[in-house]
Amino acid sequence: VISRPCSKMCPSATGLRPVAEGHILLQGREITGLPPRLRYRQGLAHIPGDRRNIGMVLDFSVAENSILGVHRARRFRGFLGKISWSRVYAYTRTLIEHFSIMAADIRAPARSLSGGNQQKLVLARELGKHPGFVVAVQPTQGLDVAATQYIRDQLIHLRDQGKAVLLVSADLDEIFQLSDRLAVLYKGRFMGVFTPESLDAQQVGLMMGGMPLPASTGDRT
């Protein structure tokens, strides 16, 4: 499902905002009242729209950022339950190699990476959790052409693996290129859910402004 940026639905899905009404099921399990940490354990991953202020801690090292949110995992613990940095460094190097991240030193602060490599690091960390459901908010915003295509290819690969991807984007080209279904929100409510082939950019723009389409328009799903 791909939709325009939303102020309520995605924070509610990821646990960053309380749910006002309704229920959220993840792989058949109720997660409505769970905090983000427990949602991650249930198979959710979140690529936030602001990688520099929400997605990572710029003053932390590349290695430290690679385990944010999963640093309590047993695989990163050593003697007396302390973090084993040798294990963390080995894990970080694996992510760097697998996701083609350009980092001169994994002990260097994350702010030393280019914007594209920062986003790859966030992506690598979240996909390293082996999630069943990924919420990706503006994942290619501000990236160059090569980094943009890389991120999009990774999202398509996830979809092809049978994973659920909720892509939230204001880039209509990205929406039409990647989506299987397209949902448009206005003031927190769905204007409809469609197949991309049944709409054009002008129609999406009208719905983004709150104007409903005729009931006969498009193939709704």
N, C-alpha and C. Protein backbone atom coordinates (compact mmCIF):
# COMPACT_ATOMS: atom_id res chain seq x y z
N VAL A 1 0.85 -1.18 0.00
CA VAL A 1 0.00 0.00 0.00
C VAL A 1 0.89 1.22 0.00
N ILE A 2 0.60 2.19 -0.85
CA ILE A 2 1.40 3.40 -0.93
C ILE A 2 0.48 4.60 -0.82
N SER A 3 0.80 5.53 0.00
CA SER A 3 -0.07 6.68 0.20
C SER A 3 0.74 7.96 0.35
N ARG A 4 0.08 9.09 0.38
CA ARG A 4 0.75 10.35 0.60
C ARG A 4 1.14 10.46 2.07
N PRO A 5 2.04 11.42 2.45
CA PRO A 5 2.43 11.55 3.85
C PRO A 5 1.22 11.73 4.76
N CYS A 6 1.24 11.03 5.89
CA CYS A 6 0.10 11.10 6.79
C CYS A 6 0.59 11.44 8.19
N SER A 7 -0.18 12.23 8.90
CA SER A 7 0.23 12.69 10.21
C SER A 7 -0.21 11.76 11.33
N LYS A 8 -1.13 10.84 11.04
CA LYS A 8 -1.69 10.02 12.12
C LYS A 8 -1.48 8.53 11.90
N MET A 9 -1.76 8.05 10.66
CA MET A 9 -1.79 6.62 10.46
C MET A 9 -0.44 5.96 10.70
N CYS A 10 0.64 6.50 10.11
CA CYS A 10 1.93 5.84 10.22
C CYS A 10 2.51 5.90 11.62
N PRO A 11 2.46 7.06 12.34
CA PRO A 11 2.90 7.04 13.74
C PRO A 11 2.10 6.06 14.58
N SER A 12 0.81 5.90 14.28
CA SER A 12 0.00 4.93 15.02
C SER A 12 0.42 3.51 14.70
N ALA A 13 0.72 3.25 13.43
CA ALA A 13 1.14 1.90 13.03
C ALA A 13 2.47 1.52 13.66
N THR A 14 3.37 2.49 13.82
CA THR A 14 4.69 2.19 14.35
C THR A 14 4.78 2.35 15.87
N GLY A 15 3.69 2.82 16.49
CA GLY A 15 3.68 2.95 17.95
C GLY A 15 4.15 4.28 18.47
N LEU A 16 4.37 5.24 17.59
CA LEU A 16 4.85 6.56 18.02
C LEU A 16 3.70 7.49 18.40
N ARG A 17 2.49 7.07 18.13
CA ARG A 17 1.30 7.87 18.46
C ARG A 17 0.21 6.91 18.91
N PRO A 18 -0.50 7.23 20.01
CA PRO A 18 -1.56 6.32 20.46
C PRO A 18 -2.69 6.22 19.45
N VAL A 19 -3.32 5.06 19.41
CA VAL A 19 -4.44 4.82 18.49
C VAL A 19 -5.72 5.39 19.09
N ALA A 20 -6.41 6.25 18.35
CA ALA A 20 -7.65 6.86 18.84
C ALA A 20 -8.81 5.89 18.74
N GLU A 21 -8.86 5.11 17.67
CA GLU A 21 -9.93 4.14 17.50
C GLU A 21 -9.46 3.05 16.55
N GLY A 22 -10.12 1.91 16.62
CA GLY A 22 -9.78 0.81 15.74
C GLY A 22 -8.69 -0.09 16.32
N HIS A 23 -8.25 -1.04 15.50
CA HIS A 23 -7.27 -2.02 15.92
C HIS A 23 -6.20 -2.17 14.84
N ILE A 24 -5.00 -2.56 15.28
CA ILE A 24 -3.90 -2.83 14.36
C ILE A 24 -3.49 -4.28 14.56
N LEU A 25 -3.56 -5.05 13.49
CA LEU A 25 -3.13 -6.45 13.53
C LEU A 25 -1.89 -6.61 12.67
N LEU A 26 -0.90 -7.28 13.19
CA LEU A 26 0.33 -7.56 12.46
C LEU A 26 0.52 -9.06 12.40
N GLN A 27 0.40 -9.61 11.21
CA GLN A 27 0.49 -11.05 11.00
C GLN A 27 -0.49 -11.79 11.92
N GLY A 28 -1.69 -11.21 12.03
CA GLY A 28 -2.74 -11.83 12.80
C GLY A 28 -2.70 -11.56 14.29
N ARG A 29 -1.70 -10.80 14.76
CA ARG A 29 -1.57 -10.53 16.19
C ARG A 29 -1.94 -9.08 16.50
N GLU A 30 -2.62 -8.90 17.59
CA GLU A 30 -3.04 -7.57 18.03
C GLU A 30 -1.82 -6.81 18.57
N ILE A 31 -1.51 -5.64 17.96
CA ILE A 31 -0.39 -4.83 18.43
C ILE A 31 -0.82 -3.40 18.75
N THR A 32 -2.11 -3.16 18.83
CA THR A 32 -2.63 -1.80 18.97
C THR A 32 -2.01 -1.05 20.14
N GLY A 33 -1.89 -1.69 21.28
CA GLY A 33 -1.39 -1.00 22.46
C GLY A 33 0.07 -1.24 22.77
N LEU A 34 0.79 -1.91 21.88
CA LEU A 34 2.19 -2.24 22.16
C LEU A 34 3.11 -1.05 21.89
N PRO A 35 4.16 -0.87 22.71
CA PRO A 35 5.15 0.17 22.42
C PRO A 35 6.01 -0.24 21.22
N PRO A 36 6.74 0.72 20.61
CA PRO A 36 7.53 0.39 19.41
C PRO A 36 8.46 -0.80 19.58
N ARG A 37 9.14 -0.89 20.73
CA ARG A 37 10.11 -1.97 20.93
C ARG A 37 9.47 -3.34 20.78
N LEU A 38 8.27 -3.50 21.32
CA LEU A 38 7.59 -4.79 21.23
C LEU A 38 7.01 -5.02 19.84
N ARG A 39 6.66 -3.95 19.14
CA ARG A 39 6.21 -4.11 17.76
C ARG A 39 7.34 -4.61 16.87
N TYR A 40 8.55 -4.12 17.13
CA TYR A 40 9.71 -4.60 16.37
C TYR A 40 9.88 -6.10 16.57
N ARG A 41 9.66 -6.55 17.79
CA ARG A 41 9.80 -7.97 18.07
C ARG A 41 8.75 -8.80 17.34
N GLN A 42 7.63 -8.18 17.01
CA GLN A 42 6.57 -8.86 16.29
C GLN A 42 6.79 -8.85 14.78
N GLY A 43 7.86 -8.17 14.31
CA GLY A 43 8.17 -8.21 12.88
C GLY A 43 7.98 -6.91 12.14
N LEU A 44 7.90 -5.79 12.86
CA LEU A 44 7.74 -4.49 12.21
C LEU A 44 9.08 -3.77 12.11
N ALA A 45 9.29 -3.07 11.02
CA ALA A 45 10.47 -2.21 10.86
C ALA A 45 10.01 -0.85 10.36
N HIS A 46 10.76 0.20 10.72
CA HIS A 46 10.34 1.57 10.40
C HIS A 46 11.51 2.36 9.84
N ILE A 47 11.36 2.82 8.60
CA ILE A 47 12.33 3.73 7.99
C ILE A 47 11.72 5.11 8.06
N PRO A 48 12.12 5.95 9.03
CA PRO A 48 11.43 7.23 9.23
C PRO A 48 11.76 8.24 8.15
N GLY A 49 10.91 9.25 8.06
CA GLY A 49 11.09 10.26 7.02
C GLY A 49 12.25 11.20 7.26
N ASP A 50 12.70 11.34 8.50
CA ASP A 50 13.81 12.23 8.84
C ASP A 50 14.97 11.38 9.34
N ARG A 51 15.85 11.01 8.44
CA ARG A 51 16.94 10.10 8.82
C ARG A 51 17.93 10.76 9.76
N ARG A 52 18.11 12.08 9.67
CA ARG A 52 19.15 12.75 10.44
C ARG A 52 18.74 13.02 11.88
N ASN A 53 17.46 13.19 12.14
CA ASN A 53 17.01 13.52 13.49
C ASN A 53 16.21 12.41 14.15
N ILE A 54 15.64 11.52 13.35
CA ILE A 54 14.83 10.43 13.91
C ILE A 54 15.45 9.07 13.58
N GLY A 55 15.95 8.93 12.37
CA GLY A 55 16.45 7.63 11.93
C GLY A 55 17.78 7.23 12.53
N MET A 56 18.56 8.20 12.98
CA MET A 56 19.87 7.88 13.56
C MET A 56 20.29 8.96 14.53
N VAL A 57 21.35 8.66 15.26
CA VAL A 57 21.98 9.65 16.14
C VAL A 57 23.30 10.02 15.49
N LEU A 58 23.39 11.21 14.95
CA LEU A 58 24.53 11.60 14.11
C LEU A 58 25.85 11.57 14.86
N ASP A 59 25.83 11.83 16.16
CA ASP A 59 27.08 11.83 16.93
C ASP A 59 27.50 10.43 17.36
N PHE A 60 26.61 9.45 17.22
CA PHE A 60 26.98 8.06 17.47
C PHE A 60 27.77 7.54 16.27
N SER A 61 28.55 6.53 16.49
CA SER A 61 29.33 5.95 15.41
C SER A 61 28.44 5.18 14.45
N VAL A 62 29.01 4.84 13.30
CA VAL A 62 28.30 4.01 12.33
C VAL A 62 27.88 2.69 12.97
N ALA A 63 28.79 2.09 13.75
CA ALA A 63 28.50 0.82 14.40
C ALA A 63 27.38 0.96 15.42
N GLU A 64 27.42 2.02 16.21
CA GLU A 64 26.37 2.23 17.21
C GLU A 64 25.01 2.42 16.55
N ASN A 65 24.99 3.15 15.45
CA ASN A 65 23.73 3.36 14.74
C ASN A 65 23.20 2.08 14.11
N SER A 66 24.09 1.17 13.80
CA SER A 66 23.67 -0.07 13.14
C SER A 66 22.88 -0.99 14.06
N ILE A 67 22.95 -0.75 15.38
CA ILE A 67 22.22 -1.63 16.31
C ILE A 67 21.19 -0.86 17.13
N LEU A 68 20.89 0.38 16.77
CA LEU A 68 19.86 1.12 17.49
C LEU A 68 18.54 0.36 17.44
N GLY A 69 17.94 0.19 18.59
CA GLY A 69 16.67 -0.52 18.66
C GLY A 69 16.83 -2.02 18.86
N VAL A 70 18.00 -2.56 18.56
CA VAL A 70 18.22 -4.00 18.75
C VAL A 70 19.46 -4.24 19.62
N HIS A 71 19.94 -3.18 20.28
CA HIS A 71 21.17 -3.31 21.06
C HIS A 71 21.02 -4.22 22.27
N ARG A 72 19.78 -4.50 22.66
CA ARG A 72 19.56 -5.42 23.79
C ARG A 72 19.57 -6.88 23.35
N ALA A 73 19.68 -7.13 22.07
CA ALA A 73 19.64 -8.50 21.57
C ALA A 73 20.79 -9.33 22.14
N ARG A 74 20.51 -10.58 22.39
CA ARG A 74 21.50 -11.47 23.00
C ARG A 74 22.73 -11.63 22.13
N ARG A 75 22.55 -11.57 20.80
CA ARG A 75 23.68 -11.79 19.90
C ARG A 75 24.74 -10.70 20.01
N PHE A 76 24.39 -9.55 20.61
CA PHE A 76 25.36 -8.47 20.78
C PHE A 76 25.90 -8.39 22.20
N ARG A 77 25.56 -9.35 23.02
CA ARG A 77 25.97 -9.33 24.42
C ARG A 77 27.13 -10.29 24.66
N GLY A 78 27.99 -9.87 25.57
CA GLY A 78 29.13 -10.69 25.93
C GLY A 78 29.13 -11.00 27.41
N PHE A 79 30.29 -10.91 28.04
CA PHE A 79 30.48 -11.23 29.45
C PHE A 79 29.62 -10.32 30.33
N LEU A 80 28.88 -10.92 31.26
CA LEU A 80 28.02 -10.21 32.20
C LEU A 80 26.94 -9.36 31.51
N GLY A 81 26.60 -9.73 30.30
CA GLY A 81 25.54 -9.04 29.60
C GLY A 81 25.92 -7.72 28.98
N LYS A 82 27.20 -7.37 29.02
CA LYS A 82 27.64 -6.12 28.41
C LYS A 82 27.72 -6.25 26.90
N ILE A 83 27.60 -5.12 26.22
CA ILE A 83 27.69 -5.14 24.76
C ILE A 83 29.08 -5.62 24.34
N SER A 84 29.09 -6.60 23.45
CA SER A 84 30.34 -7.09 22.88
C SER A 84 30.61 -6.32 21.59
N TRP A 85 31.53 -5.38 21.66
CA TRP A 85 31.76 -4.53 20.50
C TRP A 85 32.39 -5.29 19.35
N SER A 86 33.09 -6.36 19.63
CA SER A 86 33.64 -7.17 18.55
C SER A 86 32.50 -7.79 17.74
N ARG A 87 31.43 -8.21 18.41
CA ARG A 87 30.27 -8.77 17.71
C ARG A 87 29.54 -7.66 16.95
N VAL A 88 29.42 -6.50 17.57
CA VAL A 88 28.75 -5.38 16.91
C VAL A 88 29.51 -4.97 15.66
N TYR A 89 30.84 -4.88 15.76
CA TYR A 89 31.65 -4.47 14.60
C TYR A 89 31.55 -5.49 13.47
N ALA A 90 31.53 -6.76 13.83
CA ALA A 90 31.40 -7.80 12.80
C ALA A 90 30.04 -7.69 12.11
N TYR A 91 29.00 -7.43 12.89
CA TYR A 91 27.65 -7.27 12.33
C TYR A 91 27.59 -6.05 11.43
N THR A 92 28.18 -4.94 11.86
CA THR A 92 28.17 -3.71 11.07
C THR A 92 28.89 -3.92 9.75
N ARG A 93 30.02 -4.58 9.78
CA ARG A 93 30.75 -4.84 8.53
C ARG A 93 29.92 -5.68 7.57
N THR A 94 29.15 -6.62 8.12
CA THR A 94 28.28 -7.44 7.27
C THR A 94 27.22 -6.57 6.59
N LEU A 95 26.62 -5.64 7.35
CA LEU A 95 25.63 -4.73 6.78
C LEU A 95 26.25 -3.84 5.71
N ILE A 96 27.43 -3.33 6.00
CA ILE A 96 28.12 -2.44 5.05
C ILE A 96 28.38 -3.16 3.73
N GLU A 97 28.80 -4.39 3.82
CA GLU A 97 29.09 -5.15 2.60
C GLU A 97 27.81 -5.50 1.85
N HIS A 98 26.79 -5.92 2.57
CA HIS A 98 25.56 -6.39 1.92
C HIS A 98 24.78 -5.25 1.29
N PHE A 99 24.81 -4.07 1.92
CA PHE A 99 24.01 -2.94 1.43
C PHE A 99 24.86 -1.88 0.73
N SER A 100 26.10 -2.22 0.43
CA SER A 100 26.97 -1.33 -0.36
C SER A 100 27.09 0.06 0.27
N ILE A 101 27.32 0.09 1.59
CA ILE A 101 27.47 1.36 2.30
C ILE A 101 28.93 1.80 2.25
N MET A 102 29.16 3.03 1.85
CA MET A 102 30.51 3.58 1.79
C MET A 102 30.82 4.25 3.12
N ALA A 103 31.64 3.59 3.95
CA ALA A 103 32.02 4.12 5.25
C ALA A 103 33.50 3.85 5.46
N ALA A 104 34.27 4.91 5.64
CA ALA A 104 35.72 4.75 5.79
C ALA A 104 36.07 4.07 7.10
N ASP A 105 35.30 4.32 8.15
CA ASP A 105 35.59 3.77 9.47
C ASP A 105 34.28 3.58 10.22
N ILE A 106 34.00 2.36 10.67
CA ILE A 106 32.74 2.10 11.36
C ILE A 106 32.71 2.74 12.74
N ARG A 107 33.86 3.22 13.21
CA ARG A 107 33.89 3.92 14.50
C ARG A 107 33.71 5.42 14.34
N ALA A 108 33.67 5.89 13.10
CA ALA A 108 33.47 7.32 12.84
C ALA A 108 32.01 7.69 13.07
N PRO A 109 31.74 8.95 13.42
CA PRO A 109 30.34 9.37 13.63
C PRO A 109 29.52 9.24 12.36
N ALA A 110 28.24 8.96 12.51
CA ALA A 110 27.37 8.77 11.35
C ALA A 110 27.25 10.04 10.51
N ARG A 111 27.48 11.20 11.10
CA ARG A 111 27.39 12.45 10.34
C ARG A 111 28.49 12.54 9.28
N SER A 112 29.50 11.69 9.37
CA SER A 112 30.58 11.71 8.38
C SER A 112 30.16 11.04 7.07
N LEU A 113 29.05 10.31 7.08
CA LEU A 113 28.57 9.65 5.87
C LEU A 113 27.81 10.63 4.99
N SER A 114 27.78 10.36 3.71
CA SER A 114 26.94 11.15 2.80
C SER A 114 25.47 10.84 3.09
N GLY A 115 24.57 11.69 2.58
CA GLY A 115 23.14 11.47 2.81
C GLY A 115 22.67 10.12 2.31
N GLY A 116 23.15 9.73 1.13
CA GLY A 116 22.75 8.43 0.58
C GLY A 116 23.21 7.28 1.44
N ASN A 117 24.43 7.37 1.96
CA ASN A 117 24.95 6.29 2.79
C ASN A 117 24.32 6.29 4.18
N GLN A 118 23.94 7.45 4.67
CA GLN A 118 23.17 7.49 5.92
C GLN A 118 21.85 6.75 5.75
N GLN A 119 21.19 7.01 4.62
CA GLN A 119 19.90 6.35 4.39
C GLN A 119 20.09 4.85 4.19
N LYS A 120 21.15 4.45 3.52
CA LYS A 120 21.43 3.03 3.37
C LYS A 120 21.66 2.37 4.72
N LEU A 121 22.32 3.10 5.63
CA LEU A 121 22.58 2.55 6.96
C LEU A 121 21.27 2.35 7.72
N VAL A 122 20.37 3.33 7.64
CA VAL A 122 19.06 3.19 8.29
C VAL A 122 18.31 2.00 7.69
N LEU A 123 18.32 1.92 6.36
CA LEU A 123 17.66 0.81 5.67
C LEU A 123 18.26 -0.53 6.09
N ALA A 124 19.58 -0.60 6.13
CA ALA A 124 20.26 -1.84 6.49
C ALA A 124 19.91 -2.27 7.91
N ARG A 125 19.91 -1.31 8.82
CA ARG A 125 19.58 -1.63 10.22
C ARG A 125 18.17 -2.18 10.33
N GLU A 126 17.20 -1.54 9.65
CA GLU A 126 15.81 -1.98 9.76
C GLU A 126 15.59 -3.32 9.08
N LEU A 127 16.19 -3.51 7.91
CA LEU A 127 15.99 -4.78 7.21
C LEU A 127 16.78 -5.90 7.88
N GLY A 128 17.82 -5.52 8.63
CA GLY A 128 18.58 -6.52 9.39
C GLY A 128 17.76 -7.17 10.48
N LYS A 129 16.61 -6.59 10.79
CA LYS A 129 15.70 -7.19 11.78
C LYS A 129 14.86 -8.31 11.17
N HIS A 130 14.99 -8.50 9.86
CA HIS A 130 14.21 -9.51 9.12
C HIS A 130 12.71 -9.33 9.37
N PRO A 131 12.19 -8.14 9.06
CA PRO A 131 10.79 -7.85 9.35
C PRO A 131 9.83 -8.49 8.36
N GLY A 132 8.58 -8.60 8.80
CA GLY A 132 7.52 -9.03 7.90
C GLY A 132 6.74 -7.86 7.35
N PHE A 133 6.89 -6.69 8.02
CA PHE A 133 6.15 -5.49 7.64
C PHE A 133 7.08 -4.29 7.79
N VAL A 134 7.24 -3.53 6.71
CA VAL A 134 8.14 -2.38 6.71
C VAL A 134 7.33 -1.12 6.40
N VAL A 135 7.45 -0.12 7.28
CA VAL A 135 6.87 1.20 7.04
C VAL A 135 8.01 2.11 6.57
N ALA A 136 7.96 2.54 5.32
CA ALA A 136 9.01 3.38 4.74
C ALA A 136 8.43 4.76 4.42
N VAL A 137 8.89 5.78 5.15
CA VAL A 137 8.36 7.13 4.99
C VAL A 137 9.38 7.99 4.24
N GLN A 138 8.98 8.48 3.08
CA GLN A 138 9.85 9.33 2.25
C GLN A 138 11.27 8.75 2.16
N PRO A 139 11.42 7.49 1.81
CA PRO A 139 12.73 6.83 1.91
C PRO A 139 13.79 7.35 0.94
N THR A 140 13.39 8.06 -0.12
CA THR A 140 14.38 8.54 -1.10
C THR A 140 14.47 10.06 -1.13
N GLN A 141 13.86 10.73 -0.19
CA GLN A 141 13.87 12.20 -0.19
C GLN A 141 15.29 12.75 -0.02
N GLY A 142 15.68 13.64 -0.92
CA GLY A 142 16.98 14.28 -0.83
C GLY A 142 18.17 13.45 -1.28
N LEU A 143 17.91 12.29 -1.89
CA LEU A 143 19.00 11.42 -2.32
C LEU A 143 19.32 11.62 -3.79
N ASP A 144 20.54 11.25 -4.18
CA ASP A 144 20.90 11.34 -5.59
C ASP A 144 20.26 10.20 -6.37
N VAL A 145 20.44 10.21 -7.68
CA VAL A 145 19.75 9.24 -8.54
C VAL A 145 20.15 7.82 -8.20
N ALA A 146 21.44 7.58 -7.99
CA ALA A 146 21.91 6.21 -7.73
C ALA A 146 21.37 5.68 -6.41
N ALA A 147 21.43 6.51 -5.36
CA ALA A 147 20.94 6.07 -4.05
C ALA A 147 19.43 5.87 -4.08
N THR A 148 18.72 6.75 -4.79
CA THR A 148 17.28 6.63 -4.92
C THR A 148 16.90 5.30 -5.56
N GLN A 149 17.55 4.95 -6.65
CA GLN A 149 17.23 3.71 -7.33
C GLN A 149 17.58 2.50 -6.48
N TYR A 150 18.67 2.60 -5.72
CA TYR A 150 19.06 1.49 -4.85
C TYR A 150 17.98 1.23 -3.79
N ILE A 151 17.52 2.29 -3.15
CA ILE A 151 16.50 2.15 -2.11
C ILE A 151 15.22 1.57 -2.71
N ARG A 152 14.82 2.08 -3.87
CA ARG A 152 13.60 1.57 -4.51
C ARG A 152 13.74 0.11 -4.87
N ASP A 153 14.90 -0.28 -5.36
CA ASP A 153 15.13 -1.69 -5.70
C ASP A 153 15.01 -2.58 -4.47
N GLN A 154 15.51 -2.10 -3.33
CA GLN A 154 15.43 -2.88 -2.10
C GLN A 154 13.98 -3.06 -1.65
N LEU A 155 13.17 -2.01 -1.79
CA LEU A 155 11.76 -2.12 -1.42
C LEU A 155 11.02 -3.10 -2.34
N ILE A 156 11.34 -3.05 -3.63
CA ILE A 156 10.73 -3.99 -4.57
C ILE A 156 11.15 -5.42 -4.24
N HIS A 157 12.42 -5.58 -3.87
CA HIS A 157 12.91 -6.91 -3.50
C HIS A 157 12.16 -7.45 -2.29
N LEU A 158 11.90 -6.57 -1.31
CA LEU A 158 11.13 -6.99 -0.14
C LEU A 158 9.74 -7.46 -0.55
N ARG A 159 9.10 -6.68 -1.41
CA ARG A 159 7.77 -7.05 -1.88
C ARG A 159 7.79 -8.40 -2.58
N ASP A 160 8.80 -8.60 -3.41
CA ASP A 160 8.90 -9.86 -4.16
C ASP A 160 9.15 -11.05 -3.24
N GLN A 161 9.69 -10.78 -2.04
CA GLN A 161 9.90 -11.83 -1.05
C GLN A 161 8.63 -12.14 -0.25
N GLY A 162 7.57 -11.39 -0.54
CA GLY A 162 6.32 -11.61 0.17
C GLY A 162 6.17 -10.77 1.42
N LYS A 163 7.05 -9.79 1.62
CA LYS A 163 6.94 -8.90 2.77
C LYS A 163 5.94 -7.79 2.47
N ALA A 164 5.32 -7.26 3.52
CA ALA A 164 4.40 -6.14 3.37
C ALA A 164 5.18 -4.84 3.48
N VAL A 165 4.96 -3.94 2.54
CA VAL A 165 5.65 -2.64 2.54
C VAL A 165 4.61 -1.54 2.46
N LEU A 166 4.60 -0.66 3.46
CA LEU A 166 3.77 0.53 3.43
C LEU A 166 4.70 1.70 3.09
N LEU A 167 4.63 2.17 1.86
CA LEU A 167 5.46 3.28 1.40
C LEU A 167 4.67 4.57 1.48
N VAL A 168 5.17 5.52 2.23
CA VAL A 168 4.52 6.82 2.38
C VAL A 168 5.37 7.84 1.66
N SER A 169 4.82 8.47 0.63
CA SER A 169 5.63 9.35 -0.20
C SER A 169 4.79 10.45 -0.82
N ALA A 170 5.42 11.63 -0.98
CA ALA A 170 4.79 12.73 -1.71
C ALA A 170 5.25 12.77 -3.16
N ASP A 171 6.15 11.85 -3.52
CA ASP A 171 6.68 11.76 -4.88
C ASP A 171 5.74 10.88 -5.71
N LEU A 172 4.92 11.50 -6.54
CA LEU A 172 3.94 10.73 -7.30
C LEU A 172 4.59 9.77 -8.29
N ASP A 173 5.73 10.16 -8.87
CA ASP A 173 6.43 9.24 -9.76
C ASP A 173 6.84 7.98 -9.01
N GLU A 174 7.33 8.16 -7.79
CA GLU A 174 7.73 7.02 -6.97
C GLU A 174 6.52 6.15 -6.64
N ILE A 175 5.43 6.78 -6.32
CA ILE A 175 4.20 6.05 -6.00
C ILE A 175 3.76 5.17 -7.16
N PHE A 176 3.68 5.77 -8.35
CA PHE A 176 3.20 5.01 -9.50
C PHE A 176 4.21 3.95 -9.95
N GLN A 177 5.49 4.18 -9.70
CA GLN A 177 6.51 3.22 -10.10
C GLN A 177 6.51 1.98 -9.22
N LEU A 178 6.26 2.16 -7.92
CA LEU A 178 6.48 1.07 -6.98
C LEU A 178 5.22 0.39 -6.45
N SER A 179 4.08 1.05 -6.52
CA SER A 179 2.93 0.55 -5.77
C SER A 179 2.16 -0.55 -6.48
N ASP A 180 1.62 -1.45 -5.68
CA ASP A 180 0.64 -2.43 -6.14
C ASP A 180 -0.77 -1.92 -5.88
N ARG A 181 -0.93 -1.22 -4.77
CA ARG A 181 -2.17 -0.53 -4.46
C ARG A 181 -1.82 0.87 -3.99
N LEU A 182 -2.72 1.79 -4.23
CA LEU A 182 -2.46 3.18 -3.92
C LEU A 182 -3.62 3.73 -3.09
N ALA A 183 -3.27 4.26 -1.92
CA ALA A 183 -4.28 4.85 -1.03
C ALA A 183 -3.95 6.32 -0.83
N VAL A 184 -4.96 7.17 -0.93
CA VAL A 184 -4.78 8.60 -0.74
C VAL A 184 -5.53 9.04 0.52
N LEU A 185 -4.83 9.79 1.37
CA LEU A 185 -5.43 10.28 2.61
C LEU A 185 -5.67 11.77 2.55
N TYR A 186 -6.77 12.19 3.15
CA TYR A 186 -7.05 13.61 3.32
C TYR A 186 -7.58 13.82 4.73
N LYS A 187 -6.87 14.63 5.52
CA LYS A 187 -7.24 14.88 6.91
C LYS A 187 -7.41 13.58 7.68
N GLY A 188 -6.47 12.66 7.45
CA GLY A 188 -6.44 11.42 8.21
C GLY A 188 -7.40 10.34 7.77
N ARG A 189 -8.13 10.56 6.67
CA ARG A 189 -9.09 9.56 6.22
C ARG A 189 -8.81 9.16 4.78
N PHE A 190 -9.08 7.89 4.48
CA PHE A 190 -8.87 7.39 3.13
C PHE A 190 -9.87 8.00 2.17
N MET A 191 -9.37 8.50 1.07
CA MET A 191 -10.23 8.94 -0.03
C MET A 191 -10.54 7.77 -0.95
N GLY A 192 -9.84 6.68 -0.77
CA GLY A 192 -10.06 5.48 -1.57
C GLY A 192 -8.77 4.70 -1.73
N VAL A 193 -8.91 3.44 -2.08
CA VAL A 193 -7.77 2.57 -2.36
C VAL A 193 -7.94 2.06 -3.78
N PHE A 194 -6.91 2.25 -4.62
CA PHE A 194 -7.02 1.98 -6.04
C PHE A 194 -5.81 1.20 -6.54
N THR A 195 -5.94 0.64 -7.73
CA THR A 195 -4.77 0.14 -8.44
C THR A 195 -4.15 1.34 -9.17
N PRO A 196 -2.82 1.42 -9.24
CA PRO A 196 -2.18 2.56 -9.89
C PRO A 196 -2.61 2.75 -11.34
N GLU A 197 -2.90 1.65 -12.03
CA GLU A 197 -3.27 1.74 -13.43
C GLU A 197 -4.61 2.44 -13.64
N SER A 198 -5.42 2.53 -12.58
CA SER A 198 -6.76 3.10 -12.72
C SER A 198 -6.78 4.60 -12.48
N LEU A 199 -5.65 5.19 -12.11
CA LEU A 199 -5.60 6.62 -11.80
C LEU A 199 -4.47 7.30 -12.56
N ASP A 200 -4.53 8.62 -12.60
CA ASP A 200 -3.40 9.41 -13.09
C ASP A 200 -3.03 10.42 -12.02
N ALA A 201 -1.93 11.14 -12.25
CA ALA A 201 -1.42 12.07 -11.24
C ALA A 201 -2.43 13.17 -10.92
N GLN A 202 -3.17 13.61 -11.92
CA GLN A 202 -4.15 14.68 -11.70
C GLN A 202 -5.26 14.22 -10.76
N GLN A 203 -5.73 13.01 -10.94
CA GLN A 203 -6.77 12.48 -10.07
C GLN A 203 -6.28 12.32 -8.64
N VAL A 204 -5.03 11.85 -8.50
CA VAL A 204 -4.45 11.72 -7.16
C VAL A 204 -4.36 13.10 -6.50
N GLY A 205 -3.93 14.10 -7.28
CA GLY A 205 -3.82 15.45 -6.74
C GLY A 205 -5.15 15.99 -6.25
N LEU A 206 -6.23 15.71 -6.97
CA LEU A 206 -7.55 16.16 -6.55
C LEU A 206 -7.94 15.50 -5.23
N MET A 207 -7.67 14.19 -5.09
CA MET A 207 -8.01 13.51 -3.84
C MET A 207 -7.15 13.99 -2.69
N MET A 208 -5.89 14.33 -2.96
CA MET A 208 -5.02 14.87 -1.92
C MET A 208 -5.58 16.20 -1.39
N GLY A 209 -6.34 16.90 -2.23
CA GLY A 209 -6.97 18.15 -1.82
C GLY A 209 -8.35 17.97 -1.24
N GLY A 210 -8.81 16.73 -1.11
CA GLY A 210 -10.09 16.46 -0.48
C GLY A 210 -11.25 16.28 -1.43
N MET A 211 -11.00 16.24 -2.73
CA MET A 211 -12.09 16.08 -3.69
C MET A 211 -12.26 14.61 -4.07
N PRO A 212 -13.39 14.00 -3.73
CA PRO A 212 -13.59 12.58 -4.06
C PRO A 212 -13.80 12.40 -5.56
N LEU A 213 -13.42 11.23 -6.05
CA LEU A 213 -13.65 10.90 -7.44
C LEU A 213 -15.03 10.28 -7.59
N PRO A 214 -15.60 10.34 -8.80
CA PRO A 214 -16.88 9.66 -9.04
C PRO A 214 -16.78 8.18 -8.71
N ALA A 215 -17.86 7.60 -8.25
CA ALA A 215 -17.86 6.21 -7.83
C ALA A 215 -17.45 5.26 -8.94
N SER A 216 -17.64 5.65 -10.19
CA SER A 216 -17.34 4.79 -11.33
C SER A 216 -15.89 4.87 -11.76
N THR A 217 -15.12 5.78 -11.14
CA THR A 217 -13.74 6.00 -11.59
C THR A 217 -12.82 4.94 -11.03
N GLY A 218 -12.00 4.37 -11.90
CA GLY A 218 -10.93 3.48 -11.47
C GLY A 218 -11.42 2.13 -10.98
N ASP A 219 -10.44 1.30 -10.68
CA ASP A 219 -10.68 -0.03 -10.12
C ASP A 219 -10.30 -0.01 -8.65
N ARG A 220 -11.27 0.10 -7.80
CA ARG A 220 -10.99 0.15 -6.37
C ARG A 220 -10.75 -1.26 -5.87
N THR A 221 -9.91 -1.34 -4.82
CA THR A 221 -9.61 -2.65 -4.24
C THR A 221 -10.00 -2.66 -2.77
